[in-house]
Amino acid sequence: MNEAYRTTKIKTAQINQALGVFIFTFGIIITIAMVFTETFVQQMTDLFAGLVLMGIGGGMLWKSKQTLKKYKEAN
């Protein structure tokens, strides 16, 4: 495995990890914001959007941790 390739994979995983934290946190904020809405439809929309964002952010975190573990072990 090429050293430049491994370094690129690690940097990409670190960027994805930071993005995953941001998206996950944003999903939590949207889920909490559903308390402040007025109608049932707005609450369900906020709940669904928040859960989708938390799922995407969580998936990005999980995948980046696996990638970091894989390529840092090769060091």
C-alpha atoms as a PDB file:
ATOM      1  CA  MET A   1       0.000   0.000   0.000  1.00  0.00           C
ATOM      2  CA  ASN A   2       1.317   3.392  -0.977  1.00  0.00           C
ATOM      3  CA  GLU A   3       2.087   5.820   1.878  1.00  0.00           C
ATOM      4  CA  ALA A   4       0.404   8.718   0.066  1.00  0.00           C
ATOM      5  CA  TYR A   5      -2.743   6.632  -0.419  1.00  0.00           C
ATOM      6  CA  ARG A   6      -2.845   5.740   3.288  1.00  0.00           C
ATOM      7  CA  THR A   7      -2.331   9.364   4.319  1.00  0.00           C
ATOM      8  CA  THR A   8      -5.112  10.498   1.983  1.00  0.00           C
ATOM      9  CA  LYS A   9      -7.511   7.916   3.432  1.00  0.00           C
ATOM     10  CA  ILE A  10      -6.707   9.029   6.993  1.00  0.00           C
ATOM     11  CA  LYS A  11      -7.235  12.708   6.179  1.00  0.00           C
ATOM     12  CA  THR A  12     -10.521  11.973   4.420  1.00  0.00           C
ATOM     13  CA  ALA A  13     -11.705   9.920   7.388  1.00  0.00           C
ATOM     14  CA  GLN A  14     -10.830  12.741   9.780  1.00  0.00           C
ATOM     15  CA  ILE A  15     -12.787  15.239   7.683  1.00  0.00           C
ATOM     16  CA  ASN A  16     -15.763  12.861   7.548  1.00  0.00           C
ATOM     17  CA  GLN A  17     -15.563  12.417  11.300  1.00  0.00           C
ATOM     18  CA  ALA A  18     -15.772  16.173  11.894  1.00  0.00           C
ATOM     19  CA  LEU A  19     -18.640  16.472   9.412  1.00  0.00           C
ATOM     20  CA  GLY A  20     -20.427  13.566  11.085  1.00  0.00           C
ATOM     21  CA  VAL A  21     -20.214  15.269  14.482  1.00  0.00           C
ATOM     22  CA  PHE A  22     -21.649  18.472  13.000  1.00  0.00           C
ATOM     23  CA  ILE A  23     -24.529  16.738  11.210  1.00  0.00           C
ATOM     24  CA  PHE A  24     -25.323  14.574  14.258  1.00  0.00           C
ATOM     25  CA  THR A  25     -25.370  17.640  16.518  1.00  0.00           C
ATOM     26  CA  PHE A  26     -27.564  19.525  14.061  1.00  0.00           C
ATOM     27  CA  GLY A  27     -29.990  16.581  14.055  1.00  0.00           C
ATOM     28  CA  ILE A  28     -30.187  16.703  17.847  1.00  0.00           C
ATOM     29  CA  ILE A  29     -30.929  20.431  17.724  1.00  0.00           C
ATOM     30  CA  ILE A  30     -33.726  19.912  15.192  1.00  0.00           C
ATOM     31  CA  THR A  31     -35.188  17.081  17.261  1.00  0.00           C
ATOM     32  CA  ILE A  32     -35.199  19.297  20.353  1.00  0.00           C
ATOM     33  CA  ALA A  33     -36.772  22.118  18.312  1.00  0.00           C
ATOM     34  CA  MET A  34     -39.872  19.997  17.768  1.00  0.00           C
ATOM     35  CA  VAL A  35     -40.929  20.921  21.303  1.00  0.00           C
ATOM     36  CA  PHE A  36     -41.373  24.530  20.186  1.00  0.00           C
ATOM     37  CA  THR A  37     -43.598  23.864  17.173  1.00  0.00           C
ATOM     38  CA  GLU A  38     -47.350  24.345  17.217  1.00  0.00           C
ATOM     39  CA  THR A  39     -48.957  21.639  15.101  1.00  0.00           C
ATOM     40  CA  PHE A  40     -48.636  17.884  15.031  1.00  0.00           C
ATOM     41  CA  VAL A  41     -47.446  17.937  11.402  1.00  0.00           C
ATOM     42  CA  GLN A  42     -44.628  20.336  12.283  1.00  0.00           C
ATOM     43  CA  GLN A  43     -43.604  18.136  15.207  1.00  0.00           C
ATOM     44  CA  MET A  44     -43.504  15.005  13.085  1.00  0.00           C
ATOM     45  CA  THR A  45     -41.574  16.814  10.348  1.00  0.00           C
ATOM     46  CA  ASP A  46     -38.966  18.007  12.840  1.00  0.00           C
ATOM     47  CA  LEU A  47     -38.760  14.554  14.420  1.00  0.00           C
ATOM     48  CA  PHE A  48     -38.281  12.807  11.088  1.00  0.00           C
ATOM     49  CA  ALA A  49     -35.736  15.366   9.822  1.00  0.00           C
ATOM     50  CA  GLY A  50     -33.801  15.223  13.088  1.00  0.00           C
ATOM     51  CA  LEU A  51     -33.690  11.423  13.112  1.00  0.00           C
ATOM     52  CA  VAL A  52     -32.579  11.303   9.477  1.00  0.00           C
ATOM     53  CA  LEU A  53     -29.767  13.769  10.157  1.00  0.00           C
ATOM     54  CA  MET A  54     -28.708  11.884  13.289  1.00  0.00           C
ATOM     55  CA  GLY A  55     -28.657   8.667  11.272  1.00  0.00           C
ATOM     56  CA  ILE A  56     -26.503  10.206   8.554  1.00  0.00           C
ATOM     57  CA  GLY A  57     -24.145  11.788  11.082  1.00  0.00           C
ATOM     58  CA  GLY A  58     -23.909   8.585  13.086  1.00  0.00           C
ATOM     59  CA  GLY A  59     -23.175   6.584   9.954  1.00  0.00           C
ATOM     60  CA  MET A  60     -20.427   8.989   8.971  1.00  0.00           C
ATOM     61  CA  LEU A  61     -18.895   8.724  12.443  1.00  0.00           C
ATOM     62  CA  TRP A  62     -19.054   4.936  12.433  1.00  0.00           C
ATOM     63  CA  LYS A  63     -17.543   4.607   8.945  1.00  0.00           C
ATOM     64  CA  SER A  64     -14.758   7.112   9.659  1.00  0.00           C
ATOM     65  CA  LYS A  65     -13.809   5.351  12.908  1.00  0.00           C
ATOM     66  CA  GLN A  66     -13.545   2.048  11.048  1.00  0.00           C
ATOM     67  CA  THR A  67     -11.419   3.629   8.323  1.00  0.00           C
ATOM     68  CA  LEU A  68      -9.142   5.323  10.849  1.00  0.00           C
ATOM     69  CA  LYS A  69      -8.677   2.088  12.772  1.00  0.00           C
ATOM     70  CA  LYS A  70      -7.887   0.177   9.576  1.00  0.00           C
ATOM     71  CA  TYR A  71      -5.318   2.604   8.173  1.00  0.00           C
ATOM     72  CA  LYS A  72      -3.683   3.634  11.440  1.00  0.00           C
ATOM     73  CA  GLU A  73      -3.030  -0.020  12.259  1.00  0.00           C
ATOM     74  CA  ALA A  74      -1.064  -0.285   9.036  1.00  0.00           C
ATOM     75  CA  ASN A  75       1.352   2.250  10.484  1.00  0.00           C
END
